[in-house]
Amino acid sequence: MNIEDIGLTFNVPGYSEYELKPRGSDILLNANNLEEYVSLSFDKLCLSGIYPMIKSFKMGFNKVFNIESLKCFTSTELEEVICGCEDENWDYDNLMDNIIPSHGFDKNSLMFQGLLQIMLDMNKMEKKSFLQFTTGSPRLPLGGNFYYNQLINLFFIFYKKIISKASKI
């Protein structure tokens, strides 16, 4: 299987109405432009695409509670207050209910079931590393279950590619 077989275009993963670059809907993802696709997706999902929301959050938060007053807290204390419990519920039912397969997978796909099994087998440090890799944070944001689907979408692309290569060995 080639990456072209996935049929992805330069649209925001999970939001086909938003293009990552002009005429992105007309550009098929392939091995030559994969790095650009990942870079543009990362920027849209984790940087420029969320900057207005972060700016608004800071402005709103500052109206309620002066951000300068938070300097007396350590980053760990703030993380615990803002992010809540460190232990996410990664049981099978919760993952199955909150991860919506995409890119040609469904809930019965062997690849999807394999991903769930890998996630279930992760120890606490592996979960944190996985979340750090997929979200930029070692914990899911508040309301975390909502984010599983958005954050796992790109992982499906790489997972499918890895399994495809592994099966040829």
Protein backbone atom coordinates (compact mmCIF):
# COMPACT_ATOMS: atom_id res chain seq x y z
CA MET A 1 0.00 0.00 0.00
CA ASN A 2 1.23 3.47 -0.91
CA ILE A 3 0.38 6.64 0.98
CA GLU A 4 -1.49 7.81 -2.13
CA ASP A 5 -3.93 4.93 -1.55
CA ILE A 6 -5.23 6.69 1.56
CA GLY A 7 -6.71 9.39 -0.67
CA LEU A 8 -5.92 12.37 1.56
CA THR A 9 -5.71 15.88 0.22
CA PHE A 10 -4.27 19.05 1.73
CA ASN A 11 -7.28 19.70 3.94
CA VAL A 12 -7.35 19.98 7.73
CA PRO A 13 -7.64 16.40 9.04
CA GLY A 14 -11.26 15.76 9.89
CA TYR A 15 -12.44 19.05 8.36
CA SER A 16 -12.47 18.68 4.60
CA GLU A 17 -13.99 22.14 4.16
CA TYR A 18 -10.77 23.79 5.41
CA GLU A 19 -7.74 23.70 3.14
CA LEU A 20 -4.21 23.66 4.51
CA LYS A 21 -3.03 25.74 1.56
CA PRO A 22 -4.64 27.29 -1.54
CA ARG A 23 -6.23 24.63 -3.76
CA GLY A 24 -5.38 22.04 -1.09
CA SER A 25 -8.42 19.97 -2.04
CA ASP A 26 -6.80 19.37 -5.43
CA ILE A 27 -3.44 18.20 -4.04
CA LEU A 28 -3.21 14.48 -3.28
CA LEU A 29 -0.95 13.47 -0.41
CA ASN A 30 2.05 11.43 -1.53
CA ALA A 31 5.50 10.48 -0.26
CA ASN A 32 7.03 13.63 -1.79
CA ASN A 33 4.71 16.07 0.00
CA LEU A 34 4.09 14.15 3.25
CA GLU A 35 6.47 16.31 5.28
CA GLU A 36 4.75 19.49 4.05
CA TYR A 37 1.33 17.99 4.86
CA VAL A 38 2.38 17.07 8.42
CA SER A 39 3.97 20.50 8.93
CA LEU A 40 0.90 22.37 7.65
CA SER A 41 -1.46 20.14 9.65
CA PHE A 42 0.57 20.68 12.81
CA ASP A 43 0.60 24.43 12.26
CA LYS A 44 -3.15 24.57 11.68
CA LEU A 45 -4.08 22.26 14.56
CA CYS A 46 -1.50 23.34 17.14
CA LEU A 47 -0.15 26.80 16.26
CA SER A 48 -1.71 29.38 13.94
CA GLY A 49 -5.09 27.67 13.87
CA ILE A 50 -5.57 28.00 17.61
CA TYR A 51 -3.70 31.29 18.22
CA PRO A 52 -6.87 33.45 18.14
CA MET A 53 -8.49 31.19 20.74
CA ILE A 54 -5.42 31.30 22.99
CA LYS A 55 -5.28 35.08 22.69
CA SER A 56 -8.98 35.36 23.54
CA PHE A 57 -8.57 32.98 26.46
CA LYS A 58 -5.71 35.04 27.87
CA MET A 59 -7.67 38.27 27.50
CA GLY A 60 -10.78 36.77 29.11
CA PHE A 61 -8.81 35.07 31.86
CA ASN A 62 -6.97 38.31 32.60
CA LYS A 63 -10.31 40.12 33.04
CA VAL A 64 -11.39 37.62 35.68
CA PHE A 65 -8.03 36.99 37.33
CA ASN A 66 -4.92 39.08 36.76
CA ILE A 67 -2.41 36.79 35.09
CA GLU A 68 0.46 38.56 36.88
CA SER A 69 -0.97 37.27 40.18
CA LEU A 70 -0.28 33.71 39.07
CA LYS A 71 3.49 34.17 39.29
CA CYS A 72 3.40 33.05 42.93
CA PHE A 73 2.40 29.54 41.84
CA THR A 74 4.72 26.91 40.43
CA SER A 75 3.98 25.52 37.00
CA THR A 76 3.09 22.17 38.61
CA GLU A 77 0.54 23.83 40.89
CA LEU A 78 -1.04 25.71 38.00
CA GLU A 79 -1.11 22.58 35.88
CA GLU A 80 -2.96 20.68 38.59
CA VAL A 81 -5.49 23.47 39.12
CA ILE A 82 -6.13 24.10 35.43
CA CYS A 83 -5.76 20.58 33.97
CA GLY A 84 -7.35 18.56 36.74
CA CYS A 85 -6.66 14.90 37.37
CA GLU A 86 -3.52 13.50 35.82
CA ASP A 87 -4.97 10.02 35.34
CA GLU A 88 -7.11 9.79 32.22
CA ASN A 89 -9.64 6.99 31.84
CA TRP A 90 -8.13 4.85 29.08
CA ASP A 91 -10.31 1.79 29.47
CA TYR A 92 -11.57 0.01 26.35
CA ASP A 93 -15.14 1.36 26.52
CA ASN A 94 -14.00 4.96 26.98
CA LEU A 95 -11.54 4.79 24.10
CA MET A 96 -14.10 3.03 21.88
CA ASP A 97 -16.76 5.64 22.68
CA ASN A 98 -14.50 8.63 22.15
CA ILE A 99 -12.21 7.80 19.25
CA ILE A 100 -13.94 7.99 15.90
CA PRO A 101 -11.96 6.12 13.25
CA SER A 102 -11.31 7.92 9.99
CA HIS A 103 -9.19 7.64 6.84
CA GLY A 104 -10.81 4.38 5.78
CA PHE A 105 -10.91 2.76 9.22
CA ASP A 106 -14.00 1.78 11.19
CA LYS A 107 -14.46 0.53 14.76
CA ASN A 108 -14.14 -3.08 13.59
CA SER A 109 -10.93 -2.53 11.60
CA LEU A 110 -8.01 -4.65 12.73
CA MET A 111 -5.79 -1.55 12.61
CA PHE A 112 -8.20 0.43 14.81
CA GLN A 113 -8.50 -2.44 17.27
CA GLY A 114 -4.70 -2.72 17.24
CA LEU A 115 -4.36 0.97 18.07
CA LEU A 116 -6.79 0.60 20.97
CA GLN A 117 -4.84 -2.40 22.25
CA ILE A 118 -1.57 -0.48 22.05
CA MET A 119 -3.16 2.42 23.96
CA LEU A 120 -4.59 0.04 26.59
CA ASP A 121 -1.20 -1.61 27.08
CA MET A 122 0.58 1.72 27.67
CA ASN A 123 1.94 2.39 31.12
CA LYS A 124 1.57 5.83 32.71
CA MET A 125 4.80 7.21 31.21
CA GLU A 126 3.97 5.87 27.73
CA LYS A 127 0.53 7.51 27.92
CA LYS A 128 2.14 10.83 28.82
CA SER A 129 4.65 10.47 25.98
CA PHE A 130 1.89 9.53 23.52
CA LEU A 131 -0.19 12.55 24.56
CA GLN A 132 2.89 14.79 24.43
CA PHE A 133 3.57 13.59 20.88
CA THR A 134 -0.02 13.92 19.65
CA THR A 135 -1.10 17.05 21.54
CA GLY A 136 2.00 18.85 22.76
CA SER A 137 0.89 18.25 26.35
CA PRO A 138 1.30 15.20 28.60
CA ARG A 139 -2.40 15.42 29.52
CA LEU A 140 -5.59 15.79 27.58
CA PRO A 141 -7.16 19.26 27.82
CA LEU A 142 -10.14 19.74 30.12
CA GLY A 143 -13.04 17.84 28.61
CA GLY A 144 -10.33 15.55 27.27
CA ASN A 145 -12.53 12.86 25.73
CA PHE A 146 -13.76 15.32 23.09
CA TYR A 147 -10.20 15.71 21.85
CA TYR A 148 -9.40 12.03 21.33
CA ASN A 149 -10.86 12.01 17.82
CA GLN A 150 -9.11 15.17 16.63
CA LEU A 151 -5.75 14.20 18.07
CA ILE A 152 -5.73 10.61 16.87
CA ASN A 153 -6.60 11.42 13.23
CA LEU A 154 -3.01 12.06 12.13
CA PHE A 155 -1.85 9.06 14.11
CA PHE A 156 -4.03 6.80 11.93
CA ILE A 157 -2.06 7.84 8.85
CA PHE A 158 1.27 6.93 10.41
CA TYR A 159 -0.07 3.82 12.11
CA LYS A 160 -1.41 2.50 8.80
CA LYS A 161 1.94 3.18 7.12
CA ILE A 162 3.92 1.51 9.94
CA ILE A 163 1.73 -1.61 9.99
CA SER A 164 1.87 -1.80 6.20
CA LYS A 165 5.67 -1.74 6.24
CA ALA A 166 5.87 -4.19 9.16
CA SER A 167 3.70 -6.73 7.37
CA LYS A 168 6.21 -6.82 4.48
CA ILE A 169 9.11 -7.77 6.75
